[in-house]
Every structure is written in structure tokens, then in C-alpha cells.
Amino acid sequence: MNSCRVGHLAESVARFVLLLKGYRLVARNYVTGRGTAAGEVDLIVRRGRTLVFVEVKKRRTFETAAYAVGPNQQRRIRRAAESFVARHPRYDGCDIRFDAFLLWPPCFFVHLKRVF
């Protein structure tokens, strides 16, 4: 299975688990701009007045998944979050949170809240 398909499968698992936890899907694979300066978020979900920007990482171990959300990735996610809220003013009054959803074989996962 190629990495793109694995990524989509990981995002589908994350979306399903978050829906079971009471989150509502707002957007998937939200991208702003093009090239290396583009902002990108895998999932945007909402629960009550909290809008959550979720980065999904699937790696061989928990540690490599956790460290995959580095400073550059965090900047891109923040940039995308700012763009999303600016383009969708109905979310302007929401609390904003940045989470990570990490997956590793054979079928382990964890949802980490407020990772940055």
C-alpha cells in the first residue's frame, strides 16, 4: 500500500474515533496556498464551542509519530487555522485547540489534546 493510501486510511480511522467521541467533522485536508509556505490541516472538528485542528500521523512507533509534528509542521497548521477562521467567520468566537492523532502498528492509536 502506498503512503498516500496509508495516510487516507489513518485519517479515516482518526475521523471515525473522533466522531465516536462526540466531535463533528468540519473539514478534511484543508489547504491554504501552494508550495512550501502552504498551510495544511488533516482534520478540523468541532465539539461545543471548541474548534480543533487535528494533525494525523501514522508511523512505525509511537515515538516517531509523536516527533513527526515538529516546529515547521506546527507553523503550517497554525497558518491554516488562521486562514480557515478568517474565511469562515462563523467560527470566529470559538476556542481554538491543536491536537494530534497518532497511529502505529499493528492497530494502536492515541488522541493527544493541546499538543502545541
Protein backbone atom coordinates (compact mmCIF):
# COMPACT_ATOMS: atom_id res chain seq x y z
CA MET A 1 0.00 0.00 0.00
CA ASN A 2 1.46 3.36 -0.96
CA SER A 3 1.97 6.15 1.57
CA CYS A 4 -0.91 8.25 0.22
CA ARG A 5 -3.40 5.41 0.75
CA VAL A 6 -1.97 4.71 4.21
CA GLY A 7 -2.38 8.39 5.08
CA HIS A 8 -6.01 8.45 3.93
CA LEU A 9 -6.72 5.27 5.89
CA ALA A 10 -5.13 6.78 9.02
CA GLU A 11 -7.22 9.94 8.60
CA SER A 12 -10.36 7.82 8.21
CA VAL A 13 -9.59 5.95 11.45
CA ALA A 14 -8.96 9.25 13.25
CA ARG A 15 -12.17 10.76 11.89
CA PHE A 16 -14.20 7.70 12.98
CA VAL A 17 -12.74 7.71 16.51
CA LEU A 18 -13.27 11.46 16.91
CA LEU A 19 -16.89 11.13 15.74
CA LEU A 20 -17.40 8.41 18.35
CA LYS A 21 -16.00 10.83 20.96
CA GLY A 22 -18.66 13.41 20.06
CA TYR A 23 -16.74 15.65 17.65
CA ARG A 24 -18.37 16.85 14.44
CA LEU A 25 -16.37 16.97 11.23
CA VAL A 26 -16.00 20.50 9.85
CA ALA A 27 -13.36 19.91 7.11
CA ARG A 28 -10.80 17.39 5.84
CA ASN A 29 -7.43 18.11 4.26
CA TYR A 30 -7.82 21.88 4.44
CA VAL A 31 -5.02 23.55 2.43
CA THR A 32 -4.10 27.21 2.03
CA GLY A 33 -1.81 28.34 -0.75
CA ARG A 34 0.72 26.28 -2.67
CA GLY A 35 4.28 25.16 -2.17
CA THR A 36 6.32 25.03 1.00
CA ALA A 37 4.62 28.06 2.56
CA ALA A 38 1.18 26.44 2.33
CA GLY A 39 -0.73 25.68 5.47
CA GLU A 40 -2.40 22.27 5.76
CA VAL A 41 -4.59 20.53 8.33
CA ASP A 42 -5.69 16.90 8.13
CA LEU A 43 -8.94 17.25 10.09
CA ILE A 44 -10.91 20.14 11.52
CA VAL A 45 -13.52 19.07 14.04
CA ARG A 46 -15.80 20.83 16.47
CA ARG A 47 -17.18 19.94 19.86
CA GLY A 48 -19.33 22.57 21.50
CA ARG A 49 -17.57 25.92 21.21
CA THR A 50 -14.16 24.36 20.60
CA LEU A 51 -12.75 24.18 17.09
CA VAL A 52 -9.98 21.58 16.91
CA PHE A 53 -7.28 21.36 14.25
CA VAL A 54 -6.01 17.77 14.18
CA GLU A 55 -2.76 16.51 12.68
CA VAL A 56 -2.85 12.77 11.93
CA LYS A 57 0.45 10.86 11.92
CA LYS A 58 0.93 7.18 11.20
CA ARG A 59 4.43 5.85 11.85
CA ARG A 60 6.16 2.62 12.87
CA THR A 61 6.30 3.57 16.57
CA PHE A 62 4.56 5.95 18.95
CA GLU A 63 7.78 7.93 19.40
CA THR A 64 8.36 8.54 15.69
CA ALA A 65 4.71 9.54 15.25
CA ALA A 66 4.90 11.96 18.17
CA TYR A 67 8.10 13.61 16.95
CA ALA A 68 6.71 13.96 13.41
CA VAL A 69 4.73 17.04 14.48
CA GLY A 70 7.74 19.34 14.56
CA PRO A 71 8.06 23.14 14.56
CA ASN A 72 7.70 23.52 10.77
CA GLN A 73 4.58 21.35 10.78
CA GLN A 74 3.16 23.35 13.68
CA ARG A 75 3.70 26.63 11.79
CA ARG A 76 1.87 25.26 8.75
CA ILE A 77 -1.05 24.08 10.88
CA ARG A 78 -1.29 27.45 12.66
CA ARG A 79 -1.21 29.26 9.31
CA ALA A 80 -4.01 27.04 8.01
CA ALA A 81 -6.04 27.58 11.20
CA GLU A 82 -5.75 31.35 10.88
CA SER A 83 -6.80 31.16 7.24
CA PHE A 84 -9.72 28.85 7.98
CA VAL A 85 -11.14 31.09 10.71
CA ALA A 86 -10.67 34.18 8.52
CA ARG A 87 -12.55 32.52 5.64
CA HIS A 88 -15.30 31.14 7.90
CA PRO A 89 -16.30 33.96 10.28
CA ARG A 90 -18.98 31.82 11.98
CA TYR A 91 -16.11 30.10 13.84
CA ASP A 92 -14.55 33.40 14.94
CA GLY A 93 -15.84 33.14 18.53
CA CYS A 94 -14.78 29.52 19.01
CA ASP A 95 -11.99 28.40 21.27
CA ILE A 96 -9.12 27.00 19.18
CA ARG A 97 -7.16 23.87 20.02
CA PHE A 98 -4.41 21.93 18.24
CA ASP A 99 -4.44 18.14 18.66
CA ALA A 100 -2.54 15.20 17.26
CA PHE A 101 -3.90 11.77 16.44
CA LEU A 102 -1.08 9.21 16.34
CA LEU A 103 -1.29 5.69 14.93
CA TRP A 104 1.28 2.88 14.90
CA PRO A 105 1.14 -0.87 14.05
CA PRO A 106 -0.49 -3.20 14.48
CA CYS A 107 -3.55 -1.13 15.45
CA PHE A 108 -2.66 1.27 18.27
CA PHE A 109 -3.67 4.91 18.39
CA VAL A 110 -3.83 7.84 20.77
CA HIS A 111 -5.59 11.21 20.60
CA LEU A 112 -3.39 13.88 22.20
CA LYS A 113 -5.09 17.15 23.09
CA ARG A 114 -3.39 20.56 23.12
CA VAL A 115 -0.09 19.32 21.66
CA PHE A 116 1.08 22.87 20.88
